[in-house]
Amino acid sequence: MSTKKYYLGCSGWSYRDWIGKLYSQNCPPEKMLEEYAKYFDSVEINMSFYRLPYEGMVKGWKARTPEHFIFCPKMSRKITHIKRLEGVEEDLSVFIERLDLLGEKLGPILIQLPPAMKQDFDKFESFLATLPSNHKYAIEFRNQSWITSETRSLMDKYKVATCLVDSPKMIIQDVITAGFAYVRWHGRKSWYRYEYSENEIKEWAKILESLDVEEVYGYWNNDYNAYAPKNCLTLMRKLGLRSDMIDF
């Protein structure tokens, strides 16, 4: 069995159509995180992309999860999509200070770039240089123009992970630019509504096992019909991380 550490889960936990599947039949929204944490030891915080979580909300997430649970927040769209990485020093400080309330449960911060944002290395390096070096970061590129050796060199320089991706628009499986890997599964034929097959998940298990890193963070974003938790549990089985499988 691999000695690398896996942190696997889903892109969020607050989904009503998971009730009666992953969650118990009468699970109220405020109990979803606790039920989620019975199966997974990590999760992406998707809502942090849309608005800054309240202090009490962040402290509550920390209090309601097991000791070694890890949260990976998605960076604010104000930074990535509105200001498009420019003049964001204060916004970065506010965002990171708030999520730092998670303490030891704070994992890598996901930075998702807009699909329309094409490569601009001067702006990109200026942004990378502003990122506090005491945190881990992963960047998800959604424009093919970024997939170059120049981008890889910059990511290597700042020790920022290139997000490995499985989506209808792009598949990146083996670009390692940090001491950890970060993976997102969005679906293949369609975004968010695609259920991966056993063979597709088996192939990803082999890829993850082959990566020369100490840690792998991986999140399923095909939340429709509870495909995300189902596929994640299957992957965990393929990796030997669990032997049981709940009935979806």
C-alpha atoms as a PDB file:
ATOM      1  CA  MET A   1       0.000   0.000   0.000  1.00  0.00           C
ATOM      2  CA  SER A   2       1.252   3.521  -0.779  1.00  0.00           C
ATOM      3  CA  THR A   3       2.788   5.522   2.064  1.00  0.00           C
ATOM      4  CA  LYS A   4       1.517   8.817   0.695  1.00  0.00           C
ATOM      5  CA  LYS A   5      -1.272  10.566   2.568  1.00  0.00           C
ATOM      6  CA  TYR A   6      -4.613  11.018   0.798  1.00  0.00           C
ATOM      7  CA  TYR A   7      -7.165  13.712   1.606  1.00  0.00           C
ATOM      8  CA  LEU A   8     -10.190  12.858  -0.526  1.00  0.00           C
ATOM      9  CA  GLY A   9     -13.692  14.267  -0.561  1.00  0.00           C
ATOM     10  CA  CYS A  10     -16.171  16.419  -2.459  1.00  0.00           C
ATOM     11  CA  SER A  11     -16.459  20.030  -3.602  1.00  0.00           C
ATOM     12  CA  GLY A  12     -18.838  21.074  -0.854  1.00  0.00           C
ATOM     13  CA  TRP A  13     -21.227  19.215   1.413  1.00  0.00           C
ATOM     14  CA  SER A  14     -24.502  21.165   1.454  1.00  0.00           C
ATOM     15  CA  TYR A  15     -26.547  19.387  -1.230  1.00  0.00           C
ATOM     16  CA  ARG A  16     -30.193  18.515  -0.647  1.00  0.00           C
ATOM     17  CA  ASP A  17     -30.218  15.772  -3.282  1.00  0.00           C
ATOM     18  CA  TRP A  18     -27.681  13.855  -1.171  1.00  0.00           C
ATOM     19  CA  ILE A  19     -30.361  13.342   1.491  1.00  0.00           C
ATOM     20  CA  GLY A  20     -31.457   9.723   1.490  1.00  0.00           C
ATOM     21  CA  LYS A  21     -28.232   8.769  -0.311  1.00  0.00           C
ATOM     22  CA  LEU A  22     -25.105   9.878   1.560  1.00  0.00           C
ATOM     23  CA  TYR A  23     -27.111  11.586   4.290  1.00  0.00           C
ATOM     24  CA  SER A  24     -29.843  10.139   6.470  1.00  0.00           C
ATOM     25  CA  GLN A  25     -33.423  10.625   5.306  1.00  0.00           C
ATOM     26  CA  ASN A  26     -34.226  13.391   7.790  1.00  0.00           C
ATOM     27  CA  CYS A  27     -30.846  15.122   7.850  1.00  0.00           C
ATOM     28  CA  PRO A  28     -31.266  18.903   8.394  1.00  0.00           C
ATOM     29  CA  PRO A  29     -28.853  21.260   6.568  1.00  0.00           C
ATOM     30  CA  GLU A  30     -27.024  22.143   9.777  1.00  0.00           C
ATOM     31  CA  LYS A  31     -26.118  18.468  10.320  1.00  0.00           C
ATOM     32  CA  MET A  32     -24.842  17.730   6.810  1.00  0.00           C
ATOM     33  CA  LEU A  33     -21.203  18.491   7.590  1.00  0.00           C
ATOM     34  CA  GLU A  34     -21.170  16.110  10.564  1.00  0.00           C
ATOM     35  CA  GLU A  35     -22.720  13.325   8.473  1.00  0.00           C
ATOM     36  CA  TYR A  36     -20.315  14.056   5.610  1.00  0.00           C
ATOM     37  CA  ALA A  37     -17.347  13.749   7.991  1.00  0.00           C
ATOM     38  CA  LYS A  38     -18.366  10.185   8.860  1.00  0.00           C
ATOM     39  CA  TYR A  39     -17.195   9.132   5.385  1.00  0.00           C
ATOM     40  CA  PHE A  40     -14.544  11.655   4.307  1.00  0.00           C
ATOM     41  CA  ASP A  41     -11.635  13.400   6.020  1.00  0.00           C
ATOM     42  CA  SER A  42     -11.531  16.451   3.754  1.00  0.00           C
ATOM     43  CA  VAL A  43     -13.754  18.826   1.776  1.00  0.00           C
ATOM     44  CA  GLU A  44     -13.531  21.859  -0.475  1.00  0.00           C
ATOM     45  CA  ILE A  45     -15.267  25.012   0.726  1.00  0.00           C
ATOM     46  CA  ASN A  46     -17.102  26.170  -2.388  1.00  0.00           C
ATOM     47  CA  MET A  47     -19.085  29.018  -0.812  1.00  0.00           C
ATOM     48  CA  SER A  48     -15.892  30.972  -0.006  1.00  0.00           C
ATOM     49  CA  PHE A  49     -15.649  31.671  -3.747  1.00  0.00           C
ATOM     50  CA  TYR A  50     -18.910  33.635  -3.613  1.00  0.00           C
ATOM     51  CA  ARG A  51     -18.647  35.394  -0.246  1.00  0.00           C
ATOM     52  CA  LEU A  52     -16.359  35.593   2.757  1.00  0.00           C
ATOM     53  CA  PRO A  53     -17.598  33.198   5.458  1.00  0.00           C
ATOM     54  CA  TYR A  54     -18.522  34.747   8.799  1.00  0.00           C
ATOM     55  CA  GLU A  55     -16.102  34.189  11.679  1.00  0.00           C
ATOM     56  CA  GLY A  56     -18.662  32.126  13.567  1.00  0.00           C
ATOM     57  CA  MET A  57     -19.299  29.994  10.498  1.00  0.00           C
ATOM     58  CA  VAL A  58     -15.611  29.126  10.094  1.00  0.00           C
ATOM     59  CA  LYS A  59     -15.218  28.390  13.802  1.00  0.00           C
ATOM     60  CA  GLY A  60     -18.327  26.203  13.629  1.00  0.00           C
ATOM     61  CA  TRP A  61     -16.906  24.134  10.761  1.00  0.00           C
ATOM     62  CA  LYS A  62     -13.762  23.560  12.775  1.00  0.00           C
ATOM     63  CA  ALA A  63     -15.694  22.582  15.901  1.00  0.00           C
ATOM     64  CA  ARG A  64     -18.049  20.162  14.135  1.00  0.00           C
ATOM     65  CA  THR A  65     -15.410  18.033  12.389  1.00  0.00           C
ATOM     66  CA  PRO A  66     -12.940  15.398  13.643  1.00  0.00           C
ATOM     67  CA  GLU A  67      -9.454  16.328  14.799  1.00  0.00           C
ATOM     68  CA  HIS A  68      -7.586  15.558  11.565  1.00  0.00           C
ATOM     69  CA  PHE A  69     -10.245  16.826   9.122  1.00  0.00           C
ATOM     70  CA  ILE A  70      -8.961  19.159   6.373  1.00  0.00           C
ATOM     71  CA  PHE A  71     -10.777  22.031   4.621  1.00  0.00           C
ATOM     72  CA  CYS A  72      -9.608  23.413   1.269  1.00  0.00           C
ATOM     73  CA  PRO A  73     -11.239  26.808   0.619  1.00  0.00           C
ATOM     74  CA  LYS A  74     -11.799  28.152  -2.867  1.00  0.00           C
ATOM     75  CA  MET A  75     -10.328  31.636  -3.190  1.00  0.00           C
ATOM     76  CA  SER A  76     -12.757  34.544  -3.518  1.00  0.00           C
ATOM     77  CA  ARG A  77     -13.957  35.349  -7.034  1.00  0.00           C
ATOM     78  CA  LYS A  78     -13.328  39.010  -6.155  1.00  0.00           C
ATOM     79  CA  ILE A  79      -9.637  38.169  -6.417  1.00  0.00           C
ATOM     80  CA  THR A  80      -9.703  35.785  -9.387  1.00  0.00           C
ATOM     81  CA  HIS A  81     -12.677  36.787 -11.535  1.00  0.00           C
ATOM     82  CA  ILE A  82     -13.446  40.429 -10.704  1.00  0.00           C
ATOM     83  CA  LYS A  83     -10.024  41.976 -10.047  1.00  0.00           C
ATOM     84  CA  ARG A  84      -8.391  39.246 -12.132  1.00  0.00           C
ATOM     85  CA  LEU A  85      -5.330  38.930  -9.865  1.00  0.00           C
ATOM     86  CA  GLU A  86      -4.405  42.643  -9.917  1.00  0.00           C
ATOM     87  CA  GLY A  87      -4.353  44.944  -6.880  1.00  0.00           C
ATOM     88  CA  VAL A  88      -5.528  42.164  -4.577  1.00  0.00           C
ATOM     89  CA  GLU A  89      -3.069  42.380  -1.661  1.00  0.00           C
ATOM     90  CA  GLU A  90      -5.671  43.615   0.844  1.00  0.00           C
ATOM     91  CA  ASP A  91      -8.307  41.160  -0.405  1.00  0.00           C
ATOM     92  CA  LEU A  92      -5.831  38.295  -0.034  1.00  0.00           C
ATOM     93  CA  SER A  93      -5.010  39.367   3.507  1.00  0.00           C
ATOM     94  CA  VAL A  94      -8.679  39.518   4.531  1.00  0.00           C
ATOM     95  CA  PHE A  95      -9.490  36.171   2.903  1.00  0.00           C
ATOM     96  CA  ILE A  96      -6.558  34.282   4.395  1.00  0.00           C
ATOM     97  CA  GLU A  97      -6.969  35.836   7.841  1.00  0.00           C
ATOM     98  CA  ARG A  98     -10.580  34.628   7.945  1.00  0.00           C
ATOM     99  CA  LEU A  99      -9.832  31.078   6.781  1.00  0.00           C
ATOM    100  CA  ASP A 100      -6.861  30.882   9.154  1.00  0.00           C
ATOM    101  CA  LEU A 101      -9.503  30.486  11.872  1.00  0.00           C
ATOM    102  CA  LEU A 102      -9.570  26.840  10.782  1.00  0.00           C
ATOM    103  CA  GLY A 103      -6.108  26.479  12.305  1.00  0.00           C
ATOM    104  CA  GLU A 104      -4.517  23.092  11.655  1.00  0.00           C
ATOM    105  CA  LYS A 105      -7.604  22.068   9.654  1.00  0.00           C
ATOM    106  CA  LEU A 106      -6.785  24.530   6.854  1.00  0.00           C
ATOM    107  CA  GLY A 107      -5.376  22.742   3.812  1.00  0.00           C
ATOM    108  CA  PRO A 108      -4.306  24.093   0.414  1.00  0.00           C
ATOM    109  CA  ILE A 109      -6.195  27.104  -0.927  1.00  0.00           C
ATOM    110  CA  LEU A 110      -7.708  26.511  -4.372  1.00  0.00           C
ATOM    111  CA  ILE A 111      -7.288  29.341  -6.880  1.00  0.00           C
ATOM    112  CA  GLN A 112      -9.570  28.793  -9.876  1.00  0.00           C
ATOM    113  CA  LEU A 113      -8.830  31.090 -12.813  1.00  0.00           C
ATOM    114  CA  PRO A 114     -11.607  32.219 -15.207  1.00  0.00           C
ATOM    115  CA  PRO A 115     -11.966  30.343 -18.523  1.00  0.00           C
ATOM    116  CA  ALA A 116     -11.555  33.614 -20.437  1.00  0.00           C
ATOM    117  CA  MET A 117      -8.291  34.530 -18.696  1.00  0.00           C
ATOM    118  CA  LYS A 118      -5.422  33.831 -21.079  1.00  0.00           C
ATOM    119  CA  GLN A 119      -1.763  33.619 -20.136  1.00  0.00           C
ATOM    120  CA  ASP A 120      -0.183  36.832 -18.903  1.00  0.00           C
ATOM    121  CA  PHE A 121       3.070  35.886 -17.226  1.00  0.00           C
ATOM    122  CA  ASP A 122       3.974  39.312 -15.820  1.00  0.00           C
ATOM    123  CA  LYS A 123       0.623  39.674 -14.071  1.00  0.00           C
ATOM    124  CA  PHE A 124       0.677  36.042 -13.017  1.00  0.00           C
ATOM    125  CA  GLU A 125       4.126  36.198 -11.438  1.00  0.00           C
ATOM    126  CA  SER A 126       3.243  39.426  -9.625  1.00  0.00           C
ATOM    127  CA  PHE A 127       0.240  37.630  -8.145  1.00  0.00           C
ATOM    128  CA  LEU A 128       2.245  34.545  -7.154  1.00  0.00           C
ATOM    129  CA  ALA A 129       4.766  36.791  -5.417  1.00  0.00           C
ATOM    130  CA  THR A 130       2.013  38.295  -3.223  1.00  0.00           C
ATOM    131  CA  LEU A 131       0.821  34.910  -1.899  1.00  0.00           C
ATOM    132  CA  PRO A 132       1.892  34.414   1.741  1.00  0.00           C
ATOM    133  CA  SER A 133       4.500  31.660   1.689  1.00  0.00           C
ATOM    134  CA  ASN A 134       3.261  29.985   4.889  1.00  0.00           C
ATOM    135  CA  HIS A 135       0.256  28.478   3.086  1.00  0.00           C
ATOM    136  CA  LYS A 136      -0.217  25.882   0.362  1.00  0.00           C
ATOM    137  CA  TYR A 137      -1.908  26.822  -2.919  1.00  0.00           C
ATOM    138  CA  ALA A 138      -3.235  25.010  -5.977  1.00  0.00           C
ATOM    139  CA  ILE A 139      -4.180  26.788  -9.198  1.00  0.00           C
ATOM    140  CA  GLU A 140      -6.788  25.434 -11.583  1.00  0.00           C
ATOM    141  CA  PHE A 141      -6.303  26.706 -15.125  1.00  0.00           C
ATOM    142  CA  ARG A 142      -9.384  26.740 -17.327  1.00  0.00           C
ATOM    143  CA  ASN A 143      -7.802  28.206 -20.445  1.00  0.00           C
ATOM    144  CA  GLN A 144      -5.509  26.032 -22.544  1.00  0.00           C
ATOM    145  CA  SER A 145      -3.087  28.917 -23.159  1.00  0.00           C
ATOM    146  CA  TRP A 146      -1.675  28.418 -19.657  1.00  0.00           C
ATOM    147  CA  ILE A 147      -0.553  24.852 -20.315  1.00  0.00           C
ATOM    148  CA  THR A 148       3.047  25.676 -21.254  1.00  0.00           C
ATOM    149  CA  SER A 149       6.555  25.053 -19.962  1.00  0.00           C
ATOM    150  CA  GLU A 150       6.773  28.734 -18.949  1.00  0.00           C
ATOM    151  CA  THR A 151       3.770  28.360 -16.664  1.00  0.00           C
ATOM    152  CA  ARG A 152       5.227  25.204 -15.199  1.00  0.00           C
ATOM    153  CA  SER A 153       8.513  26.969 -14.453  1.00  0.00           C
ATOM    154  CA  LEU A 154       6.714  29.752 -12.587  1.00  0.00           C
ATOM    155  CA  MET A 155       4.650  27.278 -10.595  1.00  0.00           C
ATOM    156  CA  ASP A 156       7.833  25.355  -9.733  1.00  0.00           C
ATOM    157  CA  LYS A 157       9.547  28.572  -8.652  1.00  0.00           C
ATOM    158  CA  TYR A 158       6.779  29.497  -6.200  1.00  0.00           C
ATOM    159  CA  LYS A 159       6.016  25.894  -5.182  1.00  0.00           C
ATOM    160  CA  VAL A 160       2.353  26.223  -6.135  1.00  0.00           C
ATOM    161  CA  ALA A 161       0.524  23.076  -7.244  1.00  0.00           C
ATOM    162  CA  THR A 162      -0.918  22.815 -10.734  1.00  0.00           C
ATOM    163  CA  CYS A 163      -4.425  21.458 -10.246  1.00  0.00           C
ATOM    164  CA  LEU A 164      -4.856  18.118 -11.984  1.00  0.00           C
ATOM    165  CA  VAL A 165      -8.218  18.173 -13.717  1.00  0.00           C
ATOM    166  CA  ASP A 166     -10.749  15.826 -15.269  1.00  0.00           C
ATOM    167  CA  SER A 167     -13.392  17.897 -17.059  1.00  0.00           C
ATOM    168  CA  PRO A 168     -15.232  18.130 -20.401  1.00  0.00           C
ATOM    169  CA  LYS A 169     -12.822  20.870 -21.544  1.00  0.00           C
ATOM    170  CA  MET A 170      -9.485  19.717 -20.180  1.00  0.00           C
ATOM    171  CA  ILE A 171      -7.747  16.704 -18.670  1.00  0.00           C
ATOM    172  CA  ILE A 172      -4.451  17.193 -16.801  1.00  0.00           C
ATOM    173  CA  GLN A 173      -3.123  14.093 -15.069  1.00  0.00           C
ATOM    174  CA  ASP A 174       0.582  14.379 -14.364  1.00  0.00           C
ATOM    175  CA  VAL A 175       1.859  17.950 -13.922  1.00  0.00           C
ATOM    176  CA  ILE A 176       3.502  18.181 -10.488  1.00  0.00           C
ATOM    177  CA  THR A 177       4.864  21.597  -9.438  1.00  0.00           C
ATOM    178  CA  ALA A 178       4.740  21.333  -5.629  1.00  0.00           C
ATOM    179  CA  GLY A 179       5.363  18.761  -2.932  1.00  0.00           C
ATOM    180  CA  PHE A 180       1.711  17.735  -3.047  1.00  0.00           C
ATOM    181  CA  ALA A 181      -0.876  17.012  -5.721  1.00  0.00           C
ATOM    182  CA  TYR A 182      -4.332  18.582  -5.972  1.00  0.00           C
ATOM    183  CA  VAL A 183      -7.013  16.990  -8.157  1.00  0.00           C
ATOM    184  CA  ARG A 184     -10.555  18.008  -9.186  1.00  0.00           C
ATOM    185  CA  TRP A 185     -13.078  15.813 -11.003  1.00  0.00           C
ATOM    186  CA  HIS A 186     -15.831  17.794 -12.728  1.00  0.00           C
ATOM    187  CA  GLY A 187     -17.268  15.196 -15.113  1.00  0.00           C
ATOM    188  CA  ARG A 188     -16.433  14.221 -18.684  1.00  0.00           C
ATOM    189  CA  LYS A 189     -19.355  14.398 -21.097  1.00  0.00           C
ATOM    190  CA  SER A 190     -20.993  17.113 -18.999  1.00  0.00           C
ATOM    191  CA  TRP A 191     -20.021  19.349 -16.091  1.00  0.00           C
ATOM    192  CA  TYR A 192     -21.171  18.248 -12.614  1.00  0.00           C
ATOM    193  CA  ARG A 193     -23.782  15.711 -13.841  1.00  0.00           C
ATOM    194  CA  TYR A 194     -21.485  12.912 -15.005  1.00  0.00           C
ATOM    195  CA  GLU A 195     -21.059   9.638 -13.132  1.00  0.00           C
ATOM    196  CA  TYR A 196     -17.582   8.158 -13.592  1.00  0.00           C
ATOM    197  CA  SER A 197     -17.357   4.459 -14.399  1.00  0.00           C
ATOM    198  CA  GLU A 198     -15.472   1.891 -12.324  1.00  0.00           C
ATOM    199  CA  ASN A 199     -12.789   1.688 -15.024  1.00  0.00           C
ATOM    200  CA  GLU A 200     -12.353   5.473 -15.192  1.00  0.00           C
ATOM    201  CA  ILE A 201     -11.942   5.608 -11.420  1.00  0.00           C
ATOM    202  CA  LYS A 202      -9.556   2.643 -11.496  1.00  0.00           C
ATOM    203  CA  GLU A 203      -7.362   4.503 -13.993  1.00  0.00           C
ATOM    204  CA  TRP A 204      -7.277   7.540 -11.730  1.00  0.00           C
ATOM    205  CA  ALA A 205      -6.341   5.362  -8.757  1.00  0.00           C
ATOM    206  CA  LYS A 206      -3.310   4.151 -10.727  1.00  0.00           C
ATOM    207  CA  ILE A 207      -2.377   7.729 -11.619  1.00  0.00           C
ATOM    208  CA  LEU A 208      -2.603   8.901  -8.015  1.00  0.00           C
ATOM    209  CA  GLU A 209      -0.523   5.972  -6.796  1.00  0.00           C
ATOM    210  CA  SER A 210       2.180   6.810  -9.351  1.00  0.00           C
ATOM    211  CA  LEU A 211       2.529  10.495  -8.406  1.00  0.00           C
ATOM    212  CA  ASP A 212       5.841  11.347  -6.745  1.00  0.00           C
ATOM    213  CA  VAL A 213       4.379  13.403  -3.897  1.00  0.00           C
ATOM    214  CA  GLU A 214       3.820  12.931  -0.175  1.00  0.00           C
ATOM    215  CA  GLU A 215       0.223  14.186  -0.126  1.00  0.00           C
ATOM    216  CA  VAL A 216      -2.715  14.020  -2.527  1.00  0.00           C
ATOM    217  CA  TYR A 217      -5.753  16.256  -2.135  1.00  0.00           C
ATOM    218  CA  GLY A 218      -8.633  15.247  -4.400  1.00  0.00           C
ATOM    219  CA  TYR A 219     -12.210  16.517  -4.726  1.00  0.00           C
ATOM    220  CA  TRP A 220     -15.191  15.395  -6.764  1.00  0.00           C
ATOM    221  CA  ASN A 221     -17.321  18.215  -8.165  1.00  0.00           C
ATOM    222  CA  ASN A 222     -19.949  16.095  -9.969  1.00  0.00           C
ATOM    223  CA  ASP A 223     -22.415  16.764  -7.161  1.00  0.00           C
ATOM    224  CA  TYR A 224     -25.606  15.945  -9.106  1.00  0.00           C
ATOM    225  CA  ASN A 225     -27.526  12.948  -7.736  1.00  0.00           C
ATOM    226  CA  ALA A 226     -24.764  12.294  -5.171  1.00  0.00           C
ATOM    227  CA  TYR A 227     -22.376  11.120  -7.905  1.00  0.00           C
ATOM    228  CA  ALA A 228     -19.512  12.940  -6.152  1.00  0.00           C
ATOM    229  CA  PRO A 229     -19.585  11.031  -2.851  1.00  0.00           C
ATOM    230  CA  LYS A 230     -20.335   7.776  -4.652  1.00  0.00           C
ATOM    231  CA  ASN A 231     -17.363   8.163  -6.998  1.00  0.00           C
ATOM    232  CA  CYS A 232     -15.096   9.329  -4.176  1.00  0.00           C
ATOM    233  CA  LEU A 233     -15.932   6.299  -2.042  1.00  0.00           C
ATOM    234  CA  THR A 234     -15.201   4.063  -5.035  1.00  0.00           C
ATOM    235  CA  LEU A 235     -11.811   5.734  -5.491  1.00  0.00           C
ATOM    236  CA  MET A 236     -11.033   5.255  -1.806  1.00  0.00           C
ATOM    237  CA  ARG A 237     -11.833   1.561  -2.189  1.00  0.00           C
ATOM    238  CA  LYS A 238      -9.555   1.276  -5.222  1.00  0.00           C
ATOM    239  CA  LEU A 239      -6.742   2.873  -3.203  1.00  0.00           C
ATOM    240  CA  GLY A 240      -7.282   0.522  -0.280  1.00  0.00           C
ATOM    241  CA  LEU A 241      -8.388   3.355   2.011  1.00  0.00           C
ATOM    242  CA  ARG A 242     -11.693   1.687   2.898  1.00  0.00           C
ATOM    243  CA  SER A 243     -13.316  -1.675   2.292  1.00  0.00           C
ATOM    244  CA  ASP A 244     -17.021  -0.905   2.636  1.00  0.00           C
ATOM    245  CA  MET A 245     -19.381   0.822   0.211  1.00  0.00           C
ATOM    246  CA  ILE A 246     -22.704   2.400   1.102  1.00  0.00           C
ATOM    247  CA  ASP A 247     -25.770   1.771  -1.039  1.00  0.00           C
ATOM    248  CA  PHE A 248     -26.654   4.725  -3.257  1.00  0.00           C
END
